Amino acid sequence: MKAVVFEKFGETPTIQTVPDPKPAPDGVVIRVEATGLCRSDWHGWMGHDDGITLPHVPGHELAGVVVAAGKQVSRWKAGDRVTVPFAVGCGRCFECTSGNHQVCEHQTQPRLAAVAYSIASGRRT
């Protein structure tokens, strides 16, 4: 599949062929139907985010359809329409159970939205 990839911080990204994703046992693969790049992606591209390793496929906000689910996933199935937000809360802490997923201390930030398919956690929050 094709993906936007940057191999060096601050340099022009290229479109490359990358391996098709496979779901982790607790994850899903999503066919991306809509996505965009935001300021967080810009910071990653410029090297301001020490959590990014190169080469890197930017993007983390998307809408699409689940095409595969790992063996441990029970709440999502192929054909489900989904969105993946900027930050995904754990769903268990005080902030999450109070409706404040965006400030969860255990949040994760999905990646790979800028490709034809994306991998995401299979948990529902």
PDB file of N, CA and C in Angstrom:
ATOM      1  N   MET A   1       0.839  -1.164   0.000  1.00  0.00           N
ATOM      2  CA  MET A   1       0.000   0.000   0.000  1.00  0.00           C
ATOM      3  C   MET A   1       0.887   1.231   0.000  1.00  0.00           C
ATOM      4  N   LYS A   2       0.331   2.362  -0.366  1.00  0.00           N
ATOM      5  CA  LYS A   2       1.061   3.627  -0.425  1.00  0.00           C
ATOM      6  C   LYS A   2       0.877   4.402   0.873  1.00  0.00           C
ATOM      7  N   ALA A   3       1.922   5.120   1.282  1.00  0.00           N
ATOM      8  CA  ALA A   3       1.860   5.940   2.491  1.00  0.00           C
ATOM      9  C   ALA A   3       2.772   7.145   2.335  1.00  0.00           C
ATOM     10  N   VAL A   4       2.409   8.229   3.001  1.00  0.00           N
ATOM     11  CA  VAL A   4       3.286   9.388   3.124  1.00  0.00           C
ATOM     12  C   VAL A   4       4.291   9.050   4.223  1.00  0.00           C
ATOM     13  N   VAL A   5       5.576   9.226   3.930  1.00  0.00           N
ATOM     14  CA  VAL A   5       6.625   8.849   4.882  1.00  0.00           C
ATOM     15  C   VAL A   5       7.659   9.961   4.944  1.00  0.00           C
ATOM     16  N   PHE A   6       8.106  10.313   6.170  1.00  0.00           N
ATOM     17  CA  PHE A   6       9.300  11.148   6.235  1.00  0.00           C
ATOM     18  C   PHE A   6      10.405  10.360   6.910  1.00  0.00           C
ATOM     19  N   GLU A   7      11.588  10.459   6.287  1.00  0.00           N
ATOM     20  CA  GLU A   7      12.743   9.692   6.749  1.00  0.00           C
ATOM     21  C   GLU A   7      13.731  10.540   7.526  1.00  0.00           C
ATOM     22  N   LYS A   8      13.645  11.860   7.376  1.00  0.00           N
ATOM     23  CA  LYS A   8      14.497  12.785   8.120  1.00  0.00           C
ATOM     24  C   LYS A   8      13.625  13.941   8.579  1.00  0.00           C
ATOM     25  N   PHE A   9      13.857  14.398   9.805  1.00  0.00           N
ATOM     26  CA  PHE A   9      13.082  15.501  10.337  1.00  0.00           C
ATOM     27  C   PHE A   9      13.279  16.757   9.498  1.00  0.00           C
ATOM     28  N   GLY A  10      12.175  17.418   9.183  1.00  0.00           N
ATOM     29  CA  GLY A  10      12.212  18.676   8.460  1.00  0.00           C
ATOM     30  C   GLY A  10      12.380  18.558   6.957  1.00  0.00           C
ATOM     31  N   GLU A  11      12.596  17.363   6.438  1.00  0.00           N
ATOM     32  CA  GLU A  11      12.755  17.196   4.993  1.00  0.00           C
ATOM     33  C   GLU A  11      11.436  16.806   4.350  1.00  0.00           C
ATOM     34  N   THR A  12      11.338  17.003   3.052  1.00  0.00           N
ATOM     35  CA  THR A  12      10.107  16.734   2.320  1.00  0.00           C
ATOM     36  C   THR A  12       9.717  15.264   2.418  1.00  0.00           C
ATOM     37  N   PRO A  13       8.471  14.989   2.860  1.00  0.00           N
ATOM     38  CA  PRO A  13       8.001  13.598   2.891  1.00  0.00           C
ATOM     39  C   PRO A  13       7.855  13.052   1.473  1.00  0.00           C
ATOM     40  N   THR A  14       7.869  11.742   1.354  1.00  0.00           N
ATOM     41  CA  THR A  14       7.671  11.096   0.057  1.00  0.00           C
ATOM     42  C   THR A  14       6.541  10.079   0.169  1.00  0.00           C
ATOM     43  N   ILE A  15       5.993   9.705  -0.971  1.00  0.00           N
ATOM     44  CA  ILE A  15       4.997   8.639  -1.012  1.00  0.00           C
ATOM     45  C   ILE A  15       5.747   7.356  -1.319  1.00  0.00           C
ATOM     46  N   GLN A  16       5.574   6.365  -0.440  1.00  0.00           N
ATOM     47  CA  GLN A  16       6.304   5.110  -0.567  1.00  0.00           C
ATOM     48  C   GLN A  16       5.350   3.926  -0.474  1.00  0.00           C
ATOM     49  N   THR A  17       5.811   2.796  -0.952  1.00  0.00           N
ATOM     50  CA  THR A  17       5.075   1.552  -0.760  1.00  0.00           C
ATOM     51  C   THR A  17       5.529   0.959   0.568  1.00  0.00           C
ATOM     52  N   VAL A  18       4.569   0.668   1.441  1.00  0.00           N
ATOM     53  CA  VAL A  18       4.859   0.093   2.755  1.00  0.00           C
ATOM     54  C   VAL A  18       4.064  -1.205   2.904  1.00  0.00           C
ATOM     55  N   PRO A  19       4.478  -2.084   3.812  1.00  0.00           N
ATOM     56  CA  PRO A  19       3.749  -3.354   3.982  1.00  0.00           C
ATOM     57  C   PRO A  19       2.307  -3.128   4.450  1.00  0.00           C
ATOM     58  N   ASP A  20       1.404  -3.979   3.999  1.00  0.00           N
ATOM     59  CA  ASP A  20       0.026  -3.936   4.488  1.00  0.00           C
ATOM     60  C   ASP A  20       0.029  -4.278   5.973  1.00  0.00           C
ATOM     61  N   PRO A  21      -0.733  -3.541   6.790  1.00  0.00           N
ATOM     62  CA  PRO A  21      -0.750  -3.824   8.224  1.00  0.00           C
ATOM     63  C   PRO A  21      -1.541  -5.073   8.567  1.00  0.00           C
ATOM     64  N   LYS A  22      -1.163  -5.687   9.653  1.00  0.00           N
ATOM     65  CA  LYS A  22      -1.883  -6.835  10.210  1.00  0.00           C
ATOM     66  C   LYS A  22      -2.276  -6.436  11.628  1.00  0.00           C
ATOM     67  N   PRO A  23      -3.454  -6.831  12.096  1.00  0.00           N
ATOM     68  CA  PRO A  23      -3.844  -6.413  13.443  1.00  0.00           C
ATOM     69  C   PRO A  23      -3.070  -7.162  14.525  1.00  0.00           C
ATOM     70  N   ALA A  24      -2.742  -6.447  15.593  1.00  0.00           N
ATOM     71  CA  ALA A  24      -2.199  -7.096  16.788  1.00  0.00           C
ATOM     72  C   ALA A  24      -3.320  -7.922  17.399  1.00  0.00           C
ATOM     73  N   PRO A  25      -3.020  -8.849  18.283  1.00  0.00           N
ATOM     74  CA  PRO A  25      -4.087  -9.643  18.894  1.00  0.00           C
ATOM     75  C   PRO A  25      -5.184  -8.787  19.529  1.00  0.00           C
ATOM     76  N   ASP A  26      -4.812  -7.602  20.052  1.00  0.00           N
ATOM     77  CA  ASP A  26      -5.798  -6.726  20.677  1.00  0.00           C
ATOM     78  C   ASP A  26      -6.070  -5.472  19.847  1.00  0.00           C
ATOM     79  N   GLY A  27      -5.804  -5.530  18.539  1.00  0.00           N
ATOM     80  CA  GLY A  27      -5.956  -4.365  17.678  1.00  0.00           C
ATOM     81  C   GLY A  27      -6.825  -4.616  16.473  1.00  0.00           C
ATOM     82  N   VAL A  28      -7.046  -3.561  15.711  1.00  0.00           N
ATOM     83  CA  VAL A  28      -7.830  -3.644  14.483  1.00  0.00           C
ATOM     84  C   VAL A  28      -7.083  -2.950  13.350  1.00  0.00           C
ATOM     85  N   VAL A  29      -7.416  -3.312  12.120  1.00  0.00           N
ATOM     86  CA  VAL A  29      -6.936  -2.607  10.938  1.00  0.00           C
ATOM     87  C   VAL A  29      -8.136  -1.864  10.378  1.00  0.00           C
ATOM     88  N   ILE A  30      -7.937  -0.582  10.090  1.00  0.00           N
ATOM     89  CA  ILE A  30      -9.009   0.283   9.600  1.00  0.00           C
ATOM     90  C   ILE A  30      -8.667   0.758   8.196  1.00  0.00           C
ATOM     91  N   ARG A  31      -9.618   0.618   7.256  1.00  0.00           N
ATOM     92  CA  ARG A  31      -9.463   1.219   5.930  1.00  0.00           C
ATOM     93  C   ARG A  31      -9.813   2.696   6.092  1.00  0.00           C
ATOM     94  N   VAL A  32      -8.841   3.557   5.898  1.00  0.00           N
ATOM     95  CA  VAL A  32      -9.023   4.986   6.121  1.00  0.00           C
ATOM     96  C   VAL A  32      -9.823   5.592   4.970  1.00  0.00           C
ATOM     97  N   GLU A  33     -10.903   6.284   5.317  1.00  0.00           N
ATOM     98  CA  GLU A  33     -11.735   6.946   4.313  1.00  0.00           C
ATOM     99  C   GLU A  33     -11.612   8.460   4.374  1.00  0.00           C
ATOM    100  N   ALA A  34     -11.190   8.993   5.518  1.00  0.00           N
ATOM    101  CA  ALA A  34     -10.968  10.434   5.656  1.00  0.00           C
ATOM    102  C   ALA A  34      -9.931  10.656   6.744  1.00  0.00           C
ATOM    103  N   THR A  35      -9.016  11.568   6.487  1.00  0.00           N
ATOM    104  CA  THR A  35      -7.984  11.901   7.472  1.00  0.00           C
ATOM    105  C   THR A  35      -7.408  13.261   7.124  1.00  0.00           C
ATOM    106  N   GLY A  36      -6.570  13.743   7.977  1.00  0.00           N
ATOM    107  CA  GLY A  36      -5.883  15.000   7.736  1.00  0.00           C
ATOM    108  C   GLY A  36      -4.612  15.028   8.561  1.00  0.00           C
ATOM    109  N   LEU A  37      -3.826  16.046   8.351  1.00  0.00           N
ATOM    110  CA  LEU A  37      -2.630  16.256   9.145  1.00  0.00           C
ATOM    111  C   LEU A  37      -2.840  17.527   9.950  1.00  0.00           C
ATOM    112  N   CYS A  38      -2.377  17.532  11.194  1.00  0.00           N
ATOM    113  CA  CYS A  38      -2.586  18.688  12.058  1.00  0.00           C
ATOM    114  C   CYS A  38      -1.244  19.183  12.595  1.00  0.00           C
ATOM    115  N   ARG A  39      -1.325  20.142  13.497  1.00  0.00           N
ATOM    116  CA  ARG A  39      -0.109  20.730  14.049  1.00  0.00           C
ATOM    117  C   ARG A  39       0.743  19.693  14.797  1.00  0.00           C
ATOM    118  N   SER A  40       0.114  18.713  15.411  1.00  0.00           N
ATOM    119  CA  SER A  40       0.887  17.653  16.076  1.00  0.00           C
ATOM    120  C   SER A  40       1.775  16.925  15.072  1.00  0.00           C
ATOM    121  N   ASP A  41       1.239  16.695  13.873  1.00  0.00           N
ATOM    122  CA  ASP A  41       2.031  16.047  12.824  1.00  0.00           C
ATOM    123  C   ASP A  41       3.193  16.945  12.399  1.00  0.00           C
ATOM    124  N   TRP A  42       2.942  18.257  12.331  1.00  0.00           N
ATOM    125  CA  TRP A  42       4.000  19.205  11.971  1.00  0.00           C
ATOM    126  C   TRP A  42       5.123  19.134  13.003  1.00  0.00           C
ATOM    127  N   HIS A  43       4.761  19.133  14.297  1.00  0.00           N
ATOM    128  CA  HIS A  43       5.783  19.043  15.349  1.00  0.00           C
ATOM    129  C   HIS A  43       6.586  17.749  15.215  1.00  0.00           C
ATOM    130  N   GLY A  44       5.910  16.655  14.908  1.00  0.00           N
ATOM    131  CA  GLY A  44       6.616  15.397  14.694  1.00  0.00           C
ATOM    132  C   GLY A  44       7.567  15.474  13.517  1.00  0.00           C
ATOM    133  N   TRP A  45       7.098  16.068  12.420  1.00  0.00           N
ATOM    134  CA  TRP A  45       7.908  16.211  11.211  1.00  0.00           C
ATOM    135  C   TRP A  45       9.151  17.055  11.484  1.00  0.00           C
ATOM    136  N   MET A  46       9.000  18.087  12.321  1.00  0.00           N
ATOM    137  CA  MET A  46      10.122  18.972  12.614  1.00  0.00           C
ATOM    138  C   MET A  46      11.079  18.405  13.667  1.00  0.00           C
ATOM    139  N   GLY A  47      10.713  17.260  14.288  1.00  0.00           N
ATOM    140  CA  GLY A  47      11.588  16.645  15.274  1.00  0.00           C
ATOM    141  C   GLY A  47      11.341  17.105  16.700  1.00  0.00           C
ATOM    142  N   HIS A  48      10.222  17.785  16.944  1.00  0.00           N
ATOM    143  CA  HIS A  48       9.911  18.287  18.289  1.00  0.00           C
ATOM    144  C   HIS A  48       9.314  17.222  19.201  1.00  0.00           C
ATOM    145  N   ASP A  49       8.909  16.091  18.675  1.00  0.00           N
ATOM    146  CA  ASP A  49       8.250  15.027  19.443  1.00  0.00           C
ATOM    147  C   ASP A  49       9.228  13.867  19.590  1.00  0.00           C
ATOM    148  N   ASP A  50       9.775  13.698  20.791  1.00  0.00           N
ATOM    149  CA  ASP A  50      10.799  12.659  20.975  1.00  0.00           C
ATOM    150  C   ASP A  50      10.239  11.240  20.939  1.00  0.00           C
ATOM    151  N   GLY A  51       8.918  11.101  20.825  1.00  0.00           N
ATOM    152  CA  GLY A  51       8.307   9.783  20.718  1.00  0.00           C
ATOM    153  C   GLY A  51       8.248   9.250  19.294  1.00  0.00           C
ATOM    154  N   ILE A  52       8.686  10.051  18.339  1.00  0.00           N
ATOM    155  CA  ILE A  52       8.622   9.643  16.930  1.00  0.00           C
ATOM    156  C   ILE A  52       9.962   9.079  16.489  1.00  0.00           C
ATOM    157  N   THR A  53       9.902   7.892  15.905  1.00  0.00           N
ATOM    158  CA  THR A  53      11.101   7.281  15.344  1.00  0.00           C
ATOM    159  C   THR A  53      10.982   7.297  13.822  1.00  0.00           C
ATOM    160  N   LEU A  54      12.115   7.342  13.176  1.00  0.00           N
ATOM    161  CA  LEU A  54      12.149   7.406  11.712  1.00  0.00           C
ATOM    162  C   LEU A  54      12.474   6.041  11.129  1.00  0.00           C
ATOM    163  N   PRO A  55      11.974   5.742   9.940  1.00  0.00           N
ATOM    164  CA  PRO A  55      11.016   6.523   9.155  1.00  0.00           C
ATOM    165  C   PRO A  55       9.652   6.552   9.844  1.00  0.00           C
ATOM    166  N   HIS A  56       8.852   7.572   9.525  1.00  0.00           N
ATOM    167  CA  HIS A  56       7.581   7.792  10.210  1.00  0.00           C
ATOM    168  C   HIS A  56       6.465   8.102   9.212  1.00  0.00           C
ATOM    169  N   VAL A  57       5.307   7.501   9.455  1.00  0.00           N
ATOM    170  CA  VAL A  57       4.093   7.790   8.686  1.00  0.00           C
ATOM    171  C   VAL A  57       3.240   8.698   9.561  1.00  0.00           C
ATOM    172  N   PRO A  58       3.012   9.960   9.163  1.00  0.00           N
ATOM    173  CA  PRO A  58       2.260  10.887  10.009  1.00  0.00           C
ATOM    174  C   PRO A  58       0.759  10.629   9.973  1.00  0.00           C
ATOM    175  N   GLY A  59       0.093  11.222  10.944  1.00  0.00           N
ATOM    176  CA  GLY A  59      -1.364  11.164  10.999  1.00  0.00           C
ATOM    177  C   GLY A  59      -1.855  10.369  12.184  1.00  0.00           C
ATOM    178  N   HIS A  60      -2.952  10.830  12.777  1.00  0.00           N
ATOM    179  CA  HIS A  60      -3.516  10.119  13.922  1.00  0.00           C
ATOM    180  C   HIS A  60      -4.991  10.438  14.149  1.00  0.00           C
ATOM    181  N   GLU A  61      -5.626  11.138  13.266  1.00  0.00           N
ATOM    182  CA  GLU A  61      -7.057  11.426  13.368  1.00  0.00           C
ATOM    183  C   GLU A  61      -7.699  10.937  12.078  1.00  0.00           C
ATOM    184  N   LEU A  62      -8.676  10.014  12.184  1.00  0.00           N
ATOM    185  CA  LEU A  62      -9.215   9.434  10.962  1.00  0.00           C
ATOM    186  C   LEU A  62     -10.628   8.918  11.148  1.00  0.00           C
ATOM    187  N   ALA A  63     -11.262   8.668  10.036  1.00  0.00           N
ATOM    188  CA  ALA A  63     -12.545   7.953   9.992  1.00  0.00           C
ATOM    189  C   ALA A  63     -12.401   6.871   8.941  1.00  0.00           C
ATOM    190  N   GLY A  64     -13.006   5.715   9.201  1.00  0.00           N
ATOM    191  CA  GLY A  64     -12.888   4.626   8.246  1.00  0.00           C
ATOM    192  C   GLY A  64     -13.728   3.430   8.630  1.00  0.00           C
ATOM    193  N   VAL A  65     -13.350   2.286   8.081  1.00  0.00           N
ATOM    194  CA  VAL A  65     -14.097   1.044   8.275  1.00  0.00           C
ATOM    195  C   VAL A  65     -13.129  -0.039   8.744  1.00  0.00           C
ATOM    196  N   VAL A  66     -13.507  -0.765   9.783  1.00  0.00           N
ATOM    197  CA  VAL A  66     -12.700  -1.891  10.264  1.00  0.00           C
ATOM    198  C   VAL A  66     -12.695  -2.975   9.186  1.00  0.00           C
ATOM    199  N   VAL A  67     -11.493  -3.448   8.821  1.00  0.00           N
ATOM    200  CA  VAL A  67     -11.384  -4.522   7.829  1.00  0.00           C
ATOM    201  C   VAL A  67     -10.832  -5.809   8.433  1.00  0.00           C
ATOM    202  N   ALA A  68     -10.213  -5.724   9.606  1.00  0.00           N
ATOM    203  CA  ALA A  68      -9.697  -6.916  10.280  1.00  0.00           C
ATOM    204  C   ALA A  68      -9.570  -6.618  11.763  1.00  0.00           C
ATOM    205  N   ALA A  69      -9.794  -7.642  12.570  1.00  0.00           N
ATOM    206  CA  ALA A  69      -9.678  -7.499  14.023  1.00  0.00           C
ATOM    207  C   ALA A  69      -8.843  -8.641  14.578  1.00  0.00           C
ATOM    208  N   GLY A  70      -8.043  -8.335  15.602  1.00  0.00           N
ATOM    209  CA  GLY A  70      -7.237  -9.353  16.259  1.00  0.00           C
ATOM    210  C   GLY A  70      -8.094 -10.330  17.049  1.00  0.00           C
ATOM    211  N   LYS A  71      -7.502 -11.457  17.404  1.00  0.00           N
ATOM    212  CA  LYS A  71      -8.236 -12.533  18.078  1.00  0.00           C
ATOM    213  C   LYS A  71      -8.790 -12.140  19.439  1.00  0.00           C
ATOM    214  N   GLN A  72      -8.194 -11.157  20.100  1.00  0.00           N
ATOM    215  CA  GLN A  72      -8.666 -10.744  21.421  1.00  0.00           C
ATOM    216  C   GLN A  72      -9.729  -9.645  21.356  1.00  0.00           C
ATOM    217  N   VAL A  73     -10.037  -9.158  20.174  1.00  0.00           N
ATOM    218  CA  VAL A  73     -11.004  -8.066  20.016  1.00  0.00           C
ATOM    219  C   VAL A  73     -12.401  -8.645  19.885  1.00  0.00           C
ATOM    220  N   SER A  74     -13.305  -8.197  20.759  1.00  0.00           N
ATOM    221  CA  SER A  74     -14.673  -8.718  20.717  1.00  0.00           C
ATOM    222  C   SER A  74     -15.716  -7.644  20.422  1.00  0.00           C
ATOM    223  N   ARG A  75     -15.356  -6.368  20.538  1.00  0.00           N
ATOM    224  CA  ARG A  75     -16.351  -5.309  20.371  1.00  0.00           C
ATOM    225  C   ARG A  75     -16.329  -4.662  18.984  1.00  0.00           C
ATOM    226  N   TRP A  76     -15.373  -5.009  18.148  1.00  0.00           N
ATOM    227  CA  TRP A  76     -15.282  -4.455  16.802  1.00  0.00           C
ATOM    228  C   TRP A  76     -15.220  -5.607  15.821  1.00  0.00           C
ATOM    229  N   LYS A  77     -15.782  -5.393  14.633  1.00  0.00           N
ATOM    230  CA  LYS A  77     -15.738  -6.441  13.606  1.00  0.00           C
ATOM    231  C   LYS A  77     -15.616  -5.783  12.238  1.00  0.00           C
ATOM    232  N   ALA A  78     -15.233  -6.564  11.256  1.00  0.00           N
ATOM    233  CA  ALA A  78     -15.131  -6.052   9.888  1.00  0.00           C
ATOM    234  C   ALA A  78     -16.459  -5.424   9.492  1.00  0.00           C
ATOM    235  N   GLY A  79     -16.374  -4.251   8.879  1.00  0.00           N
ATOM    236  CA  GLY A  79     -17.564  -3.539   8.440  1.00  0.00           C
ATOM    237  C   GLY A  79     -18.003  -2.428   9.378  1.00  0.00           C
ATOM    238  N   ASP A  80     -17.515  -2.416  10.626  1.00  0.00           N
ATOM    239  CA  ASP A  80     -17.873  -1.347  11.563  1.00  0.00           C
ATOM    240  C   ASP A  80     -17.254  -0.031  11.111  1.00  0.00           C
ATOM    241  N   ARG A  81     -18.068   1.026  11.081  1.00  0.00           N
ATOM    242  CA  ARG A  81     -17.573   2.363  10.768  1.00  0.00           C
ATOM    243  C   ARG A  81     -17.050   2.978  12.061  1.00  0.00           C
ATOM    244  N   VAL A  82     -15.860   3.568  12.015  1.00  0.00           N
ATOM    245  CA  VAL A  82     -15.215   4.064  13.228  1.00  0.00           C
ATOM    246  C   VAL A  82     -14.542   5.407  12.993  1.00  0.00           C
ATOM    247  N   THR A  83     -14.294   6.100  14.091  1.00  0.00           N
ATOM    248  CA  THR A  83     -13.418   7.265  14.085  1.00  0.00           C
ATOM    249  C   THR A  83     -12.329   7.011  15.116  1.00  0.00           C
ATOM    250  N   VAL A  84     -11.177   7.589  14.879  1.00  0.00           N
ATOM    251  CA  VAL A  84     -10.072   7.496  15.826  1.00  0.00           C
ATOM    252  C   VAL A  84      -9.693   8.928  16.175  1.00  0.00           C
ATOM    253  N   PRO A  85      -9.854   9.329  17.433  1.00  0.00           N
ATOM    254  CA  PRO A  85      -9.583  10.710  17.834  1.00  0.00           C
ATOM    255  C   PRO A  85      -8.097  10.980  18.029  1.00  0.00           C
ATOM    256  N   PHE A  86      -7.779  12.230  18.338  1.00  0.00           N
ATOM    257  CA  PHE A  86      -6.404  12.656  18.577  1.00  0.00           C
ATOM    258  C   PHE A  86      -5.768  11.864  19.713  1.00  0.00           C
ATOM    259  N   ALA A  87      -6.487  11.713  20.808  1.00  0.00           N
ATOM    260  CA  ALA A  87      -5.976  10.980  21.963  1.00  0.00           C
ATOM    261  C   ALA A  87      -7.029   9.974  22.408  1.00  0.00           C
ATOM    262  N   VAL A  88      -6.575   8.793  22.792  1.00  0.00           N
ATOM    263  CA  VAL A  88      -7.481   7.738  23.235  1.00  0.00           C
ATOM    264  C   VAL A  88      -7.208   7.466  24.712  1.00  0.00           C
ATOM    265  N   GLY A  89      -8.214   7.712  25.548  1.00  0.00           N
ATOM    266  CA  GLY A  89      -8.074   7.476  26.977  1.00  0.00           C
ATOM    267  C   GLY A  89      -8.125   5.992  27.299  1.00  0.00           C
ATOM    268  N   CYS A  90      -7.726   5.659  28.529  1.00  0.00           N
ATOM    269  CA  CYS A  90      -7.699   4.253  28.948  1.00  0.00           C
ATOM    270  C   CYS A  90      -9.096   3.704  29.205  1.00  0.00           C
ATOM    271  N   GLY A  91     -10.066   4.588  29.502  1.00  0.00           N
ATOM    272  CA  GLY A  91     -11.435   4.161  29.749  1.00  0.00           C
ATOM    273  C   GLY A  91     -11.696   3.685  31.162  1.00  0.00           C
ATOM    274  N   ARG A  92     -10.664   3.679  32.016  1.00  0.00           N
ATOM    275  CA  ARG A  92     -10.819   3.136  33.367  1.00  0.00           C
ATOM    276  C   ARG A  92     -10.507   4.132  34.484  1.00  0.00           C
ATOM    277  N   CYS A  93      -9.671   5.118  34.229  1.00  0.00           N
ATOM    278  CA  CYS A  93      -9.250   6.036  35.292  1.00  0.00           C
ATOM    279  C   CYS A  93     -10.369   7.032  35.635  1.00  0.00           C
ATOM    280  N   PHE A  94     -10.147   7.837  36.665  1.00  0.00           N
ATOM    281  CA  PHE A  94     -11.137   8.824  37.098  1.00  0.00           C
ATOM    282  C   PHE A  94     -11.506   9.773  35.962  1.00  0.00           C
ATOM    283  N   GLU A  95     -10.501  10.306  35.261  1.00  0.00           N
ATOM    284  CA  GLU A  95     -10.786  11.266  34.187  1.00  0.00           C
ATOM    285  C   GLU A  95     -11.641  10.635  33.094  1.00  0.00           C
ATOM    286  N   CYS A  96     -11.311   9.427  32.690  1.00  0.00           N
ATOM    287  CA  CYS A  96     -12.085   8.760  31.632  1.00  0.00           C
ATOM    288  C   CYS A  96     -13.517   8.477  32.080  1.00  0.00           C
ATOM    289  N   THR A  97     -13.676   7.971  33.295  1.00  0.00           N
ATOM    290  CA  THR A  97     -15.027   7.653  33.761  1.00  0.00           C
ATOM    291  C   THR A  97     -15.836   8.911  34.053  1.00  0.00           C
ATOM    292  N   SER A  98     -15.161  10.067  34.103  1.00  0.00           N
ATOM    293  CA  SER A  98     -15.852  11.349  34.275  1.00  0.00           C
ATOM    294  C   SER A  98     -16.138  12.017  32.934  1.00  0.00           C
ATOM    295  N   GLY A  99     -15.765  11.351  31.832  1.00  0.00           N
ATOM    296  CA  GLY A  99     -16.003  11.915  30.507  1.00  0.00           C
ATOM    297  C   GLY A  99     -14.894  12.807  29.998  1.00  0.00           C
ATOM    298  N   ASN A 100     -13.733  12.772  30.636  1.00  0.00           N
ATOM    299  CA  ASN A 100     -12.613  13.634  30.249  1.00  0.00           C
ATOM    300  C   ASN A 100     -11.461  12.833  29.651  1.00  0.00           C
ATOM    301  N   HIS A 101     -11.766  12.021  28.636  1.00  0.00           N
ATOM    302  CA  HIS A 101     -10.744  11.169  28.009  1.00  0.00           C
ATOM    303  C   HIS A 101      -9.530  11.958  27.531  1.00  0.00           C
ATOM    304  N   GLN A 102      -9.746  13.216  27.131  1.00  0.00           N
ATOM    305  CA  GLN A 102      -8.661  14.013  26.550  1.00  0.00           C
ATOM    306  C   GLN A 102      -7.562  14.347  27.555  1.00  0.00           C
ATOM    307  N   VAL A 103      -7.814  14.190  28.862  1.00  0.00           N
ATOM    308  CA  VAL A 103      -6.783  14.460  29.861  1.00  0.00           C
ATOM    309  C   VAL A 103      -6.390  13.201  30.639  1.00  0.00           C
ATOM    310  N   CYS A 104      -6.691  12.057  30.109  1.00  0.00           N
ATOM    311  CA  CYS A 104      -6.318  10.777  30.729  1.00  0.00           C
ATOM    312  C   CYS A 104      -4.797  10.701  30.857  1.00  0.00           C
ATOM    313  N   GLU A 105      -4.320  10.332  32.048  1.00  0.00           N
ATOM    314  CA  GLU A 105      -2.875  10.199  32.260  1.00  0.00           C
ATOM    315  C   GLU A 105      -2.283   9.009  31.512  1.00  0.00           C
ATOM    316  N   HIS A 106      -3.130   8.095  31.079  1.00  0.00           N
ATOM    317  CA  HIS A 106      -2.668   6.875  30.411  1.00  0.00           C
ATOM    318  C   HIS A 106      -3.027   6.866  28.927  1.00  0.00           C
ATOM    319  N   GLN A 107      -3.348   8.024  28.372  1.00  0.00           N
ATOM    320  CA  GLN A 107      -3.807   8.083  26.987  1.00  0.00           C
ATOM    321  C   GLN A 107      -2.720   7.666  26.009  1.00  0.00           C
ATOM    322  N   THR A 108      -3.170   7.213  24.859  1.00  0.00           N
ATOM    323  CA  THR A 108      -2.266   6.920  23.750  1.00  0.00           C
ATOM    324  C   THR A 108      -2.681   7.782  22.577  1.00  0.00           C
ATOM    325  N   GLN A 109      -1.772   7.977  21.664  1.00  0.00           N
ATOM    326  CA  GLN A 109      -2.063   8.731  20.456  1.00  0.00           C
ATOM    327  C   GLN A 109      -1.861   7.810  19.267  1.00  0.00           C
ATOM    328  N   PRO A 110      -2.953   7.462  18.605  1.00  0.00           N
ATOM    329  CA  PRO A 110      -2.842   6.579  17.442  1.00  0.00           C
ATOM    330  C   PRO A 110      -1.956   7.184  16.359  1.00  0.00           C
ATOM    331  N   ARG A 111      -1.382   6.363  15.552  1.00  0.00           N
ATOM    332  CA  ARG A 111      -0.541   6.785  14.424  1.00  0.00           C
ATOM    333  C   ARG A 111      -1.051   6.117  13.147  1.00  0.00           C
ATOM    334  N   LEU A 112      -0.452   6.452  12.034  1.00  0.00           N
ATOM    335  CA  LEU A 112      -0.689   5.826  10.731  1.00  0.00           C
ATOM    336  C   LEU A 112      -1.967   6.258  10.027  1.00  0.00           C
ATOM    337  N   ALA A 113      -2.552   7.384  10.371  1.00  0.00           N
ATOM    338  CA  ALA A 113      -3.786   7.807   9.711  1.00  0.00           C
ATOM    339  C   ALA A 113      -3.565   8.222   8.263  1.00  0.00           C
ATOM    340  N   ALA A 114      -2.352   8.528   7.887  1.00  0.00           N
ATOM    341  CA  ALA A 114      -2.102   9.043   6.548  1.00  0.00           C
ATOM    342  C   ALA A 114      -1.852   7.950   5.524  1.00  0.00           C
ATOM    343  N   VAL A 115      -2.304   6.754   5.808  1.00  0.00           N
ATOM    344  CA  VAL A 115      -2.128   5.645   4.883  1.00  0.00           C
ATOM    345  C   VAL A 115      -3.485   5.095   4.488  1.00  0.00           C
ATOM    346  N   ALA A 116      -3.493   4.195   3.546  1.00  0.00           N
ATOM    347  CA  ALA A 116      -4.757   3.608   3.100  1.00  0.00           C
ATOM    348  C   ALA A 116      -5.391   2.756   4.190  1.00  0.00           C
ATOM    349  N   TYR A 117      -4.563   2.160   5.043  1.00  0.00           N
ATOM    350  CA  TYR A 117      -5.050   1.356   6.161  1.00  0.00           C
ATOM    351  C   TYR A 117      -4.311   1.789   7.411  1.00  0.00           C
ATOM    352  N   SER A 118      -4.954   1.694   8.549  1.00  0.00           N
ATOM    353  CA  SER A 118      -4.351   2.088   9.811  1.00  0.00           C
ATOM    354  C   SER A 118      -4.542   0.990  10.839  1.00  0.00           C
ATOM    355  N   ILE A 119      -3.657   0.948  11.814  1.00  0.00           N
ATOM    356  CA  ILE A 119      -3.771   0.000  12.917  1.00  0.00           C
ATOM    357  C   ILE A 119      -4.187   0.788  14.149  1.00  0.00           C
ATOM    358  N   ALA A 120      -5.129   0.277  14.902  1.00  0.00           N
ATOM    359  CA  ALA A 120      -5.570   0.950  16.121  1.00  0.00           C
ATOM    360  C   ALA A 120      -5.827  -0.078  17.203  1.00  0.00           C
ATOM    361  N   SER A 121      -5.891   0.419  18.428  1.00  0.00           N
ATOM    362  CA  SER A 121      -6.231  -0.451  19.550  1.00  0.00           C
ATOM    363  C   SER A 121      -7.651  -0.957  19.380  1.00  0.00           C
ATOM    364  N   GLY A 122      -7.895  -2.182  19.786  1.00  0.00           N
ATOM    365  CA  GLY A 122      -9.223  -2.755  19.661  1.00  0.00           C
ATOM    366  C   GLY A 122     -10.129  -2.469  20.842  1.00  0.00           C
ATOM    367  N   ARG A 123      -9.626  -1.718  21.837  1.00  0.00           N
ATOM    368  CA  ARG A 123     -10.493  -1.450  22.989  1.00  0.00           C
ATOM    369  C   ARG A 123     -11.437  -0.305  22.672  1.00  0.00           C
ATOM    370  N   ARG A 124     -12.584  -0.359  23.248  1.00  0.00           N
ATOM    371  CA  ARG A 124     -13.613   0.659  23.011  1.00  0.00           C
ATOM    372  C   ARG A 124     -13.670   1.556  24.232  1.00  0.00           C
ATOM    373  N   THR A 125     -13.507   2.871  24.027  1.00  0.00           N
ATOM    374  CA  THR A 125     -13.606   3.824  25.136  1.00  0.00           C
ATOM    375  C   THR A 125     -14.652   4.853  24.832  1.00  0.00           C
TER     376      THR A 125
END
